[in-house]
Every structure is written in structure tokens, then in C-alpha cells.
Amino acid sequence: NNMLSQSTATSTLALAGVAVTLAGGALAYYMLAPVNAKPTKWRIPQDMRVHLTKPLGGACFRRYCVKHLCDEMYDGWAAMTEFKQMAQRSTPETRRALFKRILDLYIRVDSEREVNIDGMSREQLVAAYENNQDITPEIFDEVAASIFSMLVLGKWIDYVESKWYAEYQELSLKNKIPVPSSNYVECLDNYDGIGLSIFLGGGISGCVDWQKEMKESLNQGCPRLVVVNPRRENFDTSNLDETPKQIYWEYAHLRKVTAIMFWFPNETLCPITLFELGQWCVLSREKGVHIFVGCDPDYARKEDVVVQLRYERPDIKVVFSRTDLEAQVKEWYTTCTAMVPE
């Protein structure tokens, strides 16, 4: 019986060894195969990394991850990747605050969105914060690489055969237009959702027409960007039927654009804009919409906007002039159009 048990155990171990070898060989093939190798269709992980750097690609892959209950892995990887970029231009104090946010959300045991990483790496990251070690931009590199490898092995091949990737391809084709038929849409005109676009959210009533200047500058510097403006040149405030139309138009068009700009001028508190910013801080993650935020230096609630975003969306950099806000948009536009062929 002992000999039989030992023989069975030996056979089981042998089979397990074969399985591990095959799995390792498959991963090595996908990771190391030459570009023209057959029968593989994808250059892994190169294709996945390029795909996820595109705003639309990242949004579609995240929707796939949500459906397959692994969105915390993608979000954690994305947060760590973005941390490295932001940390390179941040003060040590800001870098430490950003690090703590990721630590508390993704790394600590039983954290709200705990990611699956090895225990030693988890302990080292927690210790780095608690022992006041220097937080470098590269501190998440090994963990981020580990998560990325898990996504490559576990999700990528299945994803490219899924409806979410098919949706990405369909939407990408729509973006392959050199210049939209019109690069300006004003409330209550309809925008069809084709191409890169930005919604000019911010003060309207009682505020200077900052949207006009922003629209002209963006139309000139970003010819393939559709500027969606909620400010109407002619708005009959005495007609009570116009307000519901305005509200619905804004609601619908915020859900059609690629990016949203929020500008808080000093003339008013902009309560509706504050509401929309809070809403889109959450929705933008789900829908892959890019957010830009700026406050006039004399805006009464400037500190509230800055501090709230520091906690909820540390990836969003608040600026304090329309010139800097416009520069952020143009930098994002340049990055996006470099990925979309003429």
C-alpha cells in the first residue's frame, strides 16, 4: 500500500510538473515569440501595452474587466502606472500623499479594492510608508509589472475575442477621420459622438463668456477636436420651456464626449458645475472620459475643489488659469491624435 501510495504521489507530481512546464512554455511563447511567428496573432505583451495607453482602448478593456470581476487589478495597475508619471514632477509631500492613496485603496490587506500580489511585496510597500522611507517614482514598478503579467496571461487573449474588443475596433474606425465635418457644437445643436471631443463645462450665468475664447483657441490649435459648448448665444430666459431643454442637452452631451473641461470662474460659485464635477469624477473612470479642472485664483471654493480632488482623484491636476487649462487639453490632444491615423 505504501509503495502504491508513493507511486500514485510520484505520478501526480509528474503530471503536475508537466502541466506547469506546458503553462510556462505557453507563457514564454506568447511573451518571447517573434513578431511574424505563427500561429499567434498578437505580439504579447507589446500589443496589450499599446492598447491600454489609448484612452478608448483602456476604457473598453476596463469594461471587460468589470464583467469578469477583475477591474480592481486593471485599476490598480493603471493607478501605479500613472503614479510613476506624476511622481516624476511632484514634490516629495505630494508624492507621499499619492502613494498613500494607492496603498490604502489597493495594497493594504482588506483594503477596499485589494489587488492580488505576493505577501512580501505588500509588506515592503506598507513598511516603506510607515517607516517614512523615500517614496521614489519607481516604487511600484515590480508590483505593476506583476499585475500586468497576470492580465496578459489571464485576460488579454480572451479579451481580443470578446464583444468589448469588437466595440473598440468599431469606435476606432469612427475616429479615423482627419477633420470632423464641424469642429464646433453649440447647445441645442446635436453632436453625433464621432471623433475626439471636449465639453466646456463651467460657469455660464453671470459669468464672462470664457467659452468663446477657449473655443476659438482650441479650434485653431486642435483642428480634429470637436468643441461642445453648453453656452447658447441666444437664450431666452423668460421662456420656461428652454431650461429643461438646456438641462437635457447637457446631460446627453456629457455622455457623448471624449473629454470634459471644468472651469470655475470667480464671478459665481457654479453649483451645477460642482455637481457635475463630482458626478464625473466617478463616471469618467467607467466611461474612459478624460477630465480637466481649473479654478480662477479668486474662486470662492477653490480650496474645496483642490482638496476634494486630492482625495478622490489625485491623478487630476488642478490649474489656476485658463491658459494652463488649455495647455493641458492641447497636450492630451497631441497624444491622442498621435495614436489615431490620418
Protein backbone atom coordinates (compact mmCIF):
# COMPACT_ATOMS: atom_id res chain seq x y z
CA ASN A 1 0.00 0.00 0.00
CA ASN A 2 2.83 2.36 0.86
CA MET A 3 4.52 1.58 -2.43
CA LEU A 4 1.23 2.14 -4.26
CA SER A 5 0.68 5.45 -2.49
CA GLN A 6 4.23 6.56 -3.27
CA SER A 7 3.76 5.54 -6.91
CA THR A 8 0.48 7.44 -7.13
CA ALA A 9 2.02 10.51 -5.48
CA THR A 10 5.00 10.33 -7.85
CA SER A 11 2.68 10.11 -10.87
CA THR A 12 0.61 13.04 -9.59
CA LEU A 13 3.72 15.17 -9.10
CA ALA A 14 4.97 14.20 -12.53
CA LEU A 15 1.68 15.24 -14.15
CA ALA A 16 1.70 18.49 -12.19
CA GLY A 17 5.26 19.11 -13.37
CA VAL A 18 4.21 18.54 -16.98
CA ALA A 19 1.27 20.93 -16.55
CA VAL A 20 3.49 23.65 -15.06
CA THR A 21 6.05 23.15 -17.83
CA LEU A 22 3.38 23.44 -20.52
CA ALA A 23 1.87 26.53 -18.91
CA GLY A 24 5.29 28.11 -18.56
CA GLY A 25 6.13 27.23 -22.14
CA ALA A 26 2.89 28.77 -23.39
CA LEU A 27 3.56 31.98 -21.50
CA ALA A 28 7.15 32.07 -22.74
CA TYR A 29 5.93 31.56 -26.31
CA TYR A 30 3.48 34.45 -26.12
CA MET A 31 5.96 36.70 -24.35
CA LEU A 32 9.00 35.92 -26.49
CA ALA A 33 7.76 34.76 -29.90
CA PRO A 34 8.97 36.88 -32.85
CA VAL A 35 6.52 39.29 -34.45
CA ASN A 36 5.92 37.09 -37.50
CA ALA A 37 5.61 33.84 -35.52
CA LYS A 38 2.68 31.56 -36.28
CA PRO A 39 0.03 30.75 -35.25
CA THR A 40 -0.10 33.55 -32.66
CA LYS A 41 -1.99 36.62 -33.84
CA TRP A 42 -0.83 39.07 -31.20
CA ARG A 43 2.52 40.37 -30.04
CA ILE A 44 2.08 39.95 -26.31
CA PRO A 45 2.63 41.97 -24.18
CA GLN A 46 3.51 44.73 -26.67
CA ASP A 47 0.04 44.89 -28.23
CA MET A 48 -1.68 44.99 -24.86
CA ARG A 49 0.53 47.76 -23.53
CA VAL A 50 -0.05 49.90 -26.64
CA HIS A 51 -3.78 49.18 -26.49
CA LEU A 52 -4.06 50.28 -22.87
CA THR A 53 -2.23 53.58 -23.50
CA LYS A 54 -5.10 54.64 -25.76
CA PRO A 55 -7.99 56.26 -23.85
CA LEU A 56 -10.57 54.27 -25.80
CA GLY A 57 -8.60 51.02 -25.52
CA GLY A 58 -8.22 51.38 -21.77
CA ALA A 59 -11.94 52.12 -21.35
CA CYS A 60 -13.03 49.06 -23.37
CA PHE A 61 -10.60 46.74 -21.59
CA ARG A 62 -11.79 48.03 -18.21
CA ARG A 63 -15.41 47.30 -19.12
CA TYR A 64 -14.32 43.75 -19.95
CA CYS A 65 -12.58 43.51 -16.57
CA VAL A 66 -15.67 44.76 -14.74
CA LYS A 67 -17.72 42.00 -16.35
CA HIS A 68 -15.11 39.41 -15.36
CA LEU A 69 -14.74 40.73 -11.79
CA CYS A 70 -11.10 41.78 -12.07
CA ASP A 71 -11.44 45.54 -12.55
CA GLU A 72 -9.52 46.21 -9.32
CA MET A 73 -6.45 44.60 -10.95
CA TYR A 74 -6.68 46.85 -14.00
CA ASP A 75 -7.44 49.96 -11.91
CA GLY A 76 -4.57 49.18 -9.56
CA TRP A 77 -2.14 48.74 -12.46
CA ALA A 78 -3.37 51.96 -14.09
CA ALA A 79 -3.05 53.89 -10.82
CA MET A 80 0.52 52.64 -10.27
CA THR A 81 1.47 53.43 -13.86
CA GLU A 82 0.05 56.94 -13.55
CA PHE A 83 1.74 57.38 -10.17
CA LYS A 84 5.15 56.92 -11.78
CA GLN A 85 4.42 59.63 -14.35
CA MET A 86 3.02 62.07 -11.78
CA ALA A 87 5.69 61.37 -9.15
CA GLN A 88 8.44 62.44 -11.54
CA ARG A 89 7.11 66.01 -11.47
CA SER A 90 5.73 66.12 -7.91
CA THR A 91 7.15 67.36 -4.62
CA PRO A 92 8.07 64.69 -2.02
CA GLU A 93 4.99 65.67 0.02
CA THR A 94 2.62 65.27 -2.94
CA ARG A 95 4.33 62.04 -3.96
CA ARG A 96 3.85 60.65 -0.47
CA ALA A 97 0.14 61.60 -0.48
CA LEU A 98 -0.37 59.91 -3.87
CA PHE A 99 1.48 56.82 -2.64
CA LYS A 100 -0.71 56.61 0.48
CA ARG A 101 -3.88 56.85 -1.63
CA ILE A 102 -2.85 53.81 -3.71
CA LEU A 103 -1.60 51.99 -0.64
CA ASP A 104 -4.90 52.43 1.21
CA LEU A 105 -7.07 51.62 -1.78
CA TYR A 106 -5.24 48.70 -3.43
CA ILE A 107 -2.33 47.38 -1.35
CA ARG A 108 -3.19 47.02 2.33
CA VAL A 109 -4.75 43.75 3.45
CA ASP A 110 -8.56 44.04 3.38
CA SER A 111 -8.37 47.40 1.61
CA GLU A 112 -11.43 48.43 -0.39
CA ARG A 113 -10.02 47.21 -3.73
CA GLU A 114 -7.19 44.93 -2.64
CA VAL A 115 -5.17 43.57 -5.56
CA ASN A 116 -3.72 40.08 -5.75
CA ILE A 117 0.04 40.45 -5.19
CA ASP A 118 2.60 38.44 -3.22
CA GLY A 119 2.76 39.00 0.53
CA MET A 120 6.39 40.13 0.61
CA SER A 121 5.79 42.94 -1.89
CA ARG A 122 2.71 44.02 0.05
CA GLU A 123 4.65 44.14 3.33
CA GLN A 124 7.54 46.07 1.76
CA LEU A 125 5.24 48.76 0.35
CA VAL A 126 3.39 49.19 3.65
CA ALA A 127 6.69 49.34 5.53
CA ALA A 128 8.04 51.96 3.13
CA TYR A 129 5.23 54.31 4.11
CA GLU A 130 5.12 53.53 7.83
CA ASN A 131 8.91 53.81 8.21
CA ASN A 132 8.99 57.16 6.36
CA GLN A 133 11.22 55.83 3.61
CA ASP A 134 11.86 57.89 0.49
CA ILE A 135 8.98 57.37 -1.96
CA THR A 136 10.55 57.16 -5.42
CA PRO A 137 8.66 57.26 -8.74
CA GLU A 138 9.76 53.65 -9.34
CA ILE A 139 8.44 52.25 -6.04
CA PHE A 140 5.52 50.40 -7.68
CA ASP A 141 7.48 49.11 -10.70
CA GLU A 142 7.79 45.46 -9.64
CA VAL A 143 4.20 45.16 -8.42
CA ALA A 144 2.81 46.90 -11.52
CA ALA A 145 4.83 44.54 -13.75
CA SER A 146 3.49 41.54 -11.83
CA ILE A 147 -0.13 42.68 -12.22
CA PHE A 148 0.42 43.40 -15.90
CA SER A 149 1.79 39.88 -16.41
CA MET A 150 -1.29 38.43 -14.74
CA LEU A 151 -3.54 40.46 -17.03
CA VAL A 152 -1.55 39.33 -20.08
CA LEU A 153 -1.74 35.66 -19.16
CA GLY A 154 -5.26 35.64 -17.77
CA LYS A 155 -7.26 38.13 -19.80
CA TRP A 156 -5.72 39.50 -22.98
CA ILE A 157 -6.25 36.62 -25.42
CA ASP A 158 -9.85 36.19 -24.27
CA TYR A 159 -10.42 39.96 -24.45
CA VAL A 160 -9.39 40.30 -28.10
CA GLU A 161 -12.05 37.73 -29.00
CA SER A 162 -14.73 39.49 -26.94
CA LYS A 163 -17.50 41.94 -27.80
CA TRP A 164 -15.65 44.67 -25.90
CA TYR A 165 -12.69 44.49 -28.28
CA ALA A 166 -15.09 44.41 -31.24
CA GLU A 167 -16.66 47.58 -29.86
CA TYR A 168 -13.21 49.16 -29.58
CA GLN A 169 -12.49 48.36 -33.23
CA GLU A 170 -15.81 49.79 -34.34
CA LEU A 171 -15.33 53.01 -32.37
CA SER A 172 -11.72 53.32 -33.55
CA LEU A 173 -12.86 53.29 -37.17
CA LYS A 174 -15.14 56.22 -36.41
CA ASN A 175 -12.16 58.14 -35.07
CA LYS A 176 -10.16 57.68 -38.27
CA ILE A 177 -11.31 60.95 -39.82
CA PRO A 178 -8.75 63.72 -40.47
CA VAL A 179 -11.05 66.66 -39.66
CA PRO A 180 -14.66 66.42 -38.44
CA SER A 181 -17.39 67.88 -40.63
CA SER A 182 -17.73 70.52 -37.91
CA ASN A 183 -15.37 71.08 -35.02
CA TYR A 184 -17.87 73.13 -33.01
CA VAL A 185 -21.23 72.18 -31.50
CA GLU A 186 -23.34 74.65 -29.55
CA CYS A 187 -26.34 73.93 -27.37
CA LEU A 188 -29.00 72.90 -28.68
CA ASP A 189 -27.27 71.53 -31.79
CA ASN A 190 -26.72 67.76 -31.89
CA TYR A 191 -23.29 66.11 -31.74
CA ASP A 192 -23.11 62.60 -33.21
CA GLY A 193 -20.27 61.46 -30.95
CA ILE A 194 -17.75 60.88 -33.77
CA GLY A 195 -14.12 61.84 -33.19
CA LEU A 196 -12.22 63.41 -30.30
CA SER A 197 -14.34 65.93 -28.43
CA ILE A 198 -14.38 68.10 -25.32
CA PHE A 199 -17.28 69.57 -23.34
CA LEU A 200 -16.70 73.10 -21.99
CA GLY A 201 -18.18 72.73 -18.51
CA GLY A 202 -18.15 75.71 -16.19
CA GLY A 203 -19.75 79.00 -15.28
CA ILE A 204 -22.37 80.48 -17.63
CA SER A 205 -24.96 82.59 -15.80
CA GLY A 206 -23.45 85.84 -14.56
CA CYS A 207 -20.01 84.93 -15.92
CA VAL A 208 -17.85 86.34 -18.67
CA ASP A 209 -18.09 84.36 -21.93
CA TRP A 210 -14.85 82.47 -21.38
CA GLN A 211 -16.14 79.62 -23.59
CA LYS A 212 -15.90 81.80 -26.73
CA GLU A 213 -12.19 82.46 -26.26
CA MET A 214 -11.49 78.84 -25.33
CA LYS A 215 -13.44 77.56 -28.34
CA GLU A 216 -11.55 79.79 -30.78
CA SER A 217 -8.18 78.81 -29.36
CA LEU A 218 -8.92 75.07 -29.35
CA ASN A 219 -10.43 75.16 -32.85
CA GLN A 220 -7.23 76.76 -34.10
CA GLY A 221 -4.74 74.59 -32.19
CA CYS A 222 -6.66 71.30 -32.28
CA PRO A 223 -8.37 71.05 -35.69
CA ARG A 224 -9.58 67.46 -35.18
CA LEU A 225 -11.12 68.21 -31.77
CA VAL A 226 -14.87 68.86 -31.60
CA VAL A 227 -15.59 71.60 -29.04
CA VAL A 228 -19.01 71.10 -27.41
CA ASN A 229 -20.27 74.33 -25.84
CA PRO A 230 -23.26 74.42 -23.45
CA ARG A 231 -23.44 78.25 -23.59
CA ARG A 232 -26.02 79.44 -26.10
CA GLU A 233 -25.53 82.69 -27.95
CA ASN A 234 -29.26 83.34 -27.67
CA PHE A 235 -31.03 82.00 -24.60
CA ASP A 236 -34.49 83.39 -23.80
CA THR A 237 -34.54 83.11 -20.00
CA SER A 238 -38.16 84.27 -19.92
CA ASN A 239 -39.24 81.11 -21.75
CA LEU A 240 -39.61 78.46 -19.04
CA ASP A 241 -39.56 75.65 -21.63
CA GLU A 242 -35.94 76.42 -22.50
CA THR A 243 -34.44 75.40 -19.16
CA PRO A 244 -35.46 71.68 -19.33
CA LYS A 245 -34.14 71.58 -22.91
CA GLN A 246 -30.81 73.01 -21.75
CA ILE A 247 -30.53 70.56 -18.86
CA TYR A 248 -31.29 67.52 -21.00
CA TRP A 249 -28.92 68.64 -23.77
CA GLU A 250 -26.07 68.98 -21.27
CA TYR A 251 -26.90 65.62 -19.68
CA ALA A 252 -26.91 63.86 -23.06
CA HIS A 253 -23.81 65.53 -24.50
CA LEU A 254 -21.67 64.99 -21.41
CA ARG A 255 -22.16 61.30 -22.22
CA LYS A 256 -21.06 61.67 -25.85
CA VAL A 257 -17.72 63.42 -25.49
CA THR A 258 -14.18 62.09 -25.09
CA ALA A 259 -13.13 64.70 -22.51
CA ILE A 260 -14.69 67.26 -20.17
CA MET A 261 -13.22 70.58 -19.08
CA PHE A 262 -14.41 72.18 -15.84
CA TRP A 263 -13.59 75.87 -15.33
CA PHE A 264 -14.64 77.66 -12.13
CA PRO A 265 -14.58 81.46 -12.65
CA ASN A 266 -14.61 83.93 -9.78
CA GLU A 267 -17.98 85.52 -10.56
CA THR A 268 -20.15 82.73 -9.09
CA LEU A 269 -19.99 79.53 -7.03
CA CYS A 270 -21.10 77.43 -10.05
CA PRO A 271 -23.19 74.92 -8.02
CA ILE A 272 -24.23 72.93 -11.11
CA THR A 273 -20.62 72.64 -12.26
CA LEU A 274 -19.60 71.43 -8.81
CA PHE A 275 -22.34 68.78 -9.00
CA GLU A 276 -21.22 67.68 -12.49
CA LEU A 277 -17.57 67.54 -11.44
CA GLY A 278 -18.42 65.27 -8.51
CA GLN A 279 -20.52 63.05 -10.77
CA TRP A 280 -17.88 62.76 -13.49
CA CYS A 281 -15.05 62.10 -11.08
CA VAL A 282 -16.71 58.69 -10.73
CA LEU A 283 -18.28 58.22 -14.19
CA SER A 284 -15.12 59.16 -16.07
CA ARG A 285 -13.34 56.06 -14.77
CA GLU A 286 -16.11 53.81 -16.06
CA LYS A 287 -16.51 55.54 -19.41
CA GLY A 288 -12.86 56.39 -20.09
CA VAL A 289 -13.53 60.14 -20.28
CA HIS A 290 -10.59 62.46 -19.60
CA ILE A 291 -11.16 65.24 -17.04
CA PHE A 292 -9.51 68.69 -16.89
CA VAL A 293 -10.13 71.06 -13.98
CA GLY A 294 -9.21 74.71 -13.49
CA CYS A 295 -10.14 77.41 -10.96
CA ASP A 296 -9.75 81.15 -11.09
CA PRO A 297 -7.32 82.13 -8.29
CA ASP A 298 -10.19 84.11 -6.68
CA TYR A 299 -12.84 81.40 -7.00
CA ALA A 300 -14.52 81.19 -3.57
CA ARG A 301 -14.47 77.38 -3.34
CA LYS A 302 -11.05 76.85 -4.89
CA GLU A 303 -9.68 75.10 -1.79
CA ASP A 304 -12.66 72.75 -1.65
CA VAL A 305 -12.14 71.70 -5.27
CA VAL A 306 -8.40 71.15 -4.80
CA VAL A 307 -8.65 69.18 -1.54
CA GLN A 308 -11.61 67.03 -2.61
CA LEU A 309 -9.85 66.08 -5.85
CA ARG A 310 -6.64 65.36 -3.96
CA TYR A 311 -8.51 62.64 -2.06
CA GLU A 312 -10.83 61.30 -4.74
CA ARG A 313 -8.85 61.85 -7.95
CA PRO A 314 -5.19 62.60 -7.22
CA ASP A 315 -4.49 61.89 -10.91
CA ILE A 316 -6.27 65.15 -11.87
CA LYS A 317 -4.02 68.20 -11.68
CA VAL A 318 -5.99 71.39 -10.89
CA VAL A 319 -4.64 74.52 -12.60
CA PHE A 320 -5.38 78.17 -11.88
CA SER A 321 -5.54 79.86 -15.25
CA ARG A 322 -7.38 79.21 -18.49
CA THR A 323 -4.05 79.31 -20.30
CA ASP A 324 -2.77 76.36 -18.26
CA LEU A 325 -6.08 74.55 -18.69
CA GLU A 326 -5.89 74.99 -22.44
CA ALA A 327 -2.28 73.75 -22.43
CA GLN A 328 -3.35 70.54 -20.67
CA VAL A 329 -6.02 69.92 -23.30
CA LYS A 330 -3.61 70.54 -26.16
CA GLU A 331 -1.06 68.14 -24.67
CA TRP A 332 -3.75 65.44 -24.33
CA TYR A 333 -4.96 66.14 -27.88
CA THR A 334 -1.44 65.77 -29.27
CA THR A 335 -1.05 62.41 -27.50
CA CYS A 336 -4.43 61.12 -28.75
CA THR A 337 -4.02 62.20 -32.36
CA ALA A 338 -0.57 60.60 -32.47
CA MET A 339 -2.38 57.28 -31.88
CA VAL A 340 -5.16 57.84 -34.41
CA PRO A 341 -4.06 57.73 -38.07
CA GLU A 342 -4.99 60.42 -40.54
